[in-house]
Every structure is written in C-alpha cells, then in structure tokens.
N, C-alpha and C. Protein backbone atom coordinates (compact mmCIF):
# COMPACT_ATOMS: atom_id res chain seq x y z
N MET A 1 23.45 126.04 89.38
CA MET A 1 24.21 125.98 90.21
C MET A 1 25.04 126.69 90.79
N CYS A 2 25.89 127.42 89.94
CA CYS A 2 26.90 128.36 90.36
C CYS A 2 26.00 129.82 91.07
N CYS A 3 24.72 129.78 90.92
CA CYS A 3 24.35 131.04 91.43
C CYS A 3 24.26 130.56 92.70
N CYS A 4 23.52 129.29 93.08
CA CYS A 4 22.87 129.34 94.37
C CYS A 4 24.18 129.19 95.40
N SER A 5 25.42 128.49 94.64
CA SER A 5 26.43 128.38 95.66
C SER A 5 27.13 129.73 96.09
N PHE A 6 26.74 130.62 95.01
CA PHE A 6 27.33 132.09 95.05
C PHE A 6 26.70 133.05 96.32
N VAL A 7 25.18 132.45 96.50
CA VAL A 7 24.46 133.14 96.99
C VAL A 7 24.81 132.37 98.73
N GLY A 8 24.67 131.23 98.62
CA GLY A 8 24.83 130.31 99.94
C GLY A 8 26.50 131.21 100.58
N GLN A 9 27.20 131.00 99.47
CA GLN A 9 28.71 131.73 100.00
C GLN A 9 27.92 133.33 100.78
N LEU A 10 27.29 134.44 100.42
CA LEU A 10 27.06 135.59 100.78
C LEU A 10 26.40 135.41 101.71
N LEU A 11 25.69 134.56 101.94
CA LEU A 11 24.59 133.90 103.24
C LEU A 11 25.35 133.65 104.35
N PHE A 12 26.67 132.81 104.31
CA PHE A 12 27.50 132.13 105.02
C PHE A 12 28.60 133.90 105.57
N GLY A 13 28.66 134.43 104.39
CA GLY A 13 29.65 135.34 105.10
C GLY A 13 29.09 136.37 105.85
N ALA A 14 27.62 136.72 105.63
CA ALA A 14 26.89 137.53 106.72
C ALA A 14 26.33 137.26 108.04
N VAL A 15 26.31 135.88 107.90
CA VAL A 15 26.15 135.10 109.08
C VAL A 15 27.60 134.99 110.08
N MET A 16 28.71 134.59 109.08
CA MET A 16 30.04 134.93 110.19
C MET A 16 30.48 136.25 110.25
N LEU A 17 30.15 137.63 109.81
CA LEU A 17 30.15 138.66 110.05
C LEU A 17 29.20 139.41 111.28
N VAL A 18 28.21 138.76 111.65
CA VAL A 18 27.35 138.96 112.51
C VAL A 18 27.98 138.11 113.61
N ALA A 19 27.96 137.09 113.67
CA ALA A 19 28.87 136.63 114.98
C ALA A 19 30.04 137.01 115.49
N LEU A 20 30.92 137.43 114.46
CA LEU A 20 32.11 138.20 114.61
C LEU A 20 31.52 138.98 115.60
N GLY A 21 30.40 140.07 114.78
CA GLY A 21 29.76 141.67 115.63
C GLY A 21 29.54 141.33 116.69
N LEU A 22 28.91 139.93 117.07
CA LEU A 22 28.30 139.97 118.25
C LEU A 22 29.31 139.50 119.46
N THR A 23 30.29 138.59 118.85
CA THR A 23 31.45 138.41 119.78
C THR A 23 32.42 139.30 120.21
N LEU A 24 32.19 140.26 119.36
CA LEU A 24 33.09 141.80 119.76
C LEU A 24 32.76 142.61 121.05
N VAL A 25 31.44 142.71 120.46
CA VAL A 25 30.09 143.58 121.22
C VAL A 25 30.13 142.99 122.73
N SER A 26 30.36 141.71 122.80
CA SER A 26 30.34 140.63 123.98
C SER A 26 31.67 140.87 124.72
N MET A 27 32.35 141.10 124.22
CA MET A 27 33.75 141.36 125.05
C MET A 27 33.87 142.60 124.91
N PHE A 28 33.24 143.74 124.34
CA PHE A 28 33.91 144.71 124.74
C PHE A 28 33.08 145.71 125.71
N SER A 29 31.75 144.95 125.94
CA SER A 29 30.81 145.71 127.09
C SER A 29 30.18 144.31 127.50
N PRO A 30 31.03 143.68 128.40
CA PRO A 30 30.09 142.44 129.02
C PRO A 30 28.81 142.92 129.87
N GLY A 31 28.81 144.13 130.69
CA GLY A 31 27.76 144.48 130.95
C GLY A 31 26.51 144.56 130.29
N ASN A 32 26.43 145.31 129.59
CA ASN A 32 25.37 145.91 128.45
C ASN A 32 25.10 145.42 127.19
N ALA A 33 26.02 143.91 126.85
CA ALA A 33 25.78 143.19 125.66
C ALA A 33 24.64 143.02 124.94
N ILE A 34 23.72 142.43 125.85
CA ILE A 34 22.02 142.48 125.28
C ILE A 34 21.50 144.00 124.92
N THR A 35 21.84 144.68 125.89
CA THR A 35 20.98 146.00 125.46
C THR A 35 21.51 146.09 124.20
N THR A 36 23.03 146.27 124.04
CA THR A 36 23.57 146.87 122.76
C THR A 36 23.44 145.97 121.47
N ILE A 37 23.35 144.52 121.93
CA ILE A 37 22.82 144.06 120.56
C ILE A 37 21.19 144.18 120.40
N LEU A 38 20.61 144.70 121.20
CA LEU A 38 18.97 145.05 121.23
C LEU A 38 18.90 146.54 120.26
N LEU A 39 19.82 147.51 120.39
CA LEU A 39 19.78 148.66 120.01
C LEU A 39 20.52 148.60 118.52
N CYS A 40 21.41 147.53 118.64
CA CYS A 40 21.98 147.19 116.90
C CYS A 40 21.01 146.46 116.03
N HIS A 41 20.05 145.74 116.77
CA HIS A 41 18.77 144.67 115.45
C HIS A 41 18.28 146.41 115.45
N LEU A 42 17.58 147.38 116.32
CA LEU A 42 16.53 148.15 115.97
C LEU A 42 17.61 148.66 114.85
N SER A 43 18.22 149.57 115.41
CA SER A 43 18.76 150.24 113.97
C SER A 43 19.08 149.54 113.05
N THR A 44 19.28 149.00 112.47
CA THR A 44 19.45 147.90 111.37
C THR A 44 18.39 147.87 110.65
N LYS A 45 16.95 147.97 112.08
CA LYS A 45 15.82 147.36 111.08
C LYS A 45 15.28 148.56 110.41
N ASP A 46 15.45 150.07 110.95
CA ASP A 46 15.09 151.14 110.40
C ASP A 46 15.51 151.75 109.09
N THR A 47 16.81 151.28 108.78
CA THR A 47 17.62 151.71 107.14
C THR A 47 16.78 150.58 106.68
C-alpha cells in the first residue's frame, strides 16, 4: 500500500512537471510552441 502510494505520488509529480513545462513553453514561445514541444519529446527519447 505504501509503495503504491509512493509510486503514485512520483507519477503525479512527473505529470505536474510536464504540464508546467508545456505551459511555460507555450507562454514564452506562442508561435513555435508545437515545434518546441516536438523537439523536447525527441531529445528526451534519445536519452
């Protein structure tokens, strides 16, 4: 029960960070938000 709760908190935190990152990206680059997001996804898949 404790482990599941801990994993759930980690997943929730990761989702929140992704949402925050996408929000900041879209705010600072309204014209190229989609391109920036795609580039970020490609760069993270390589690592």
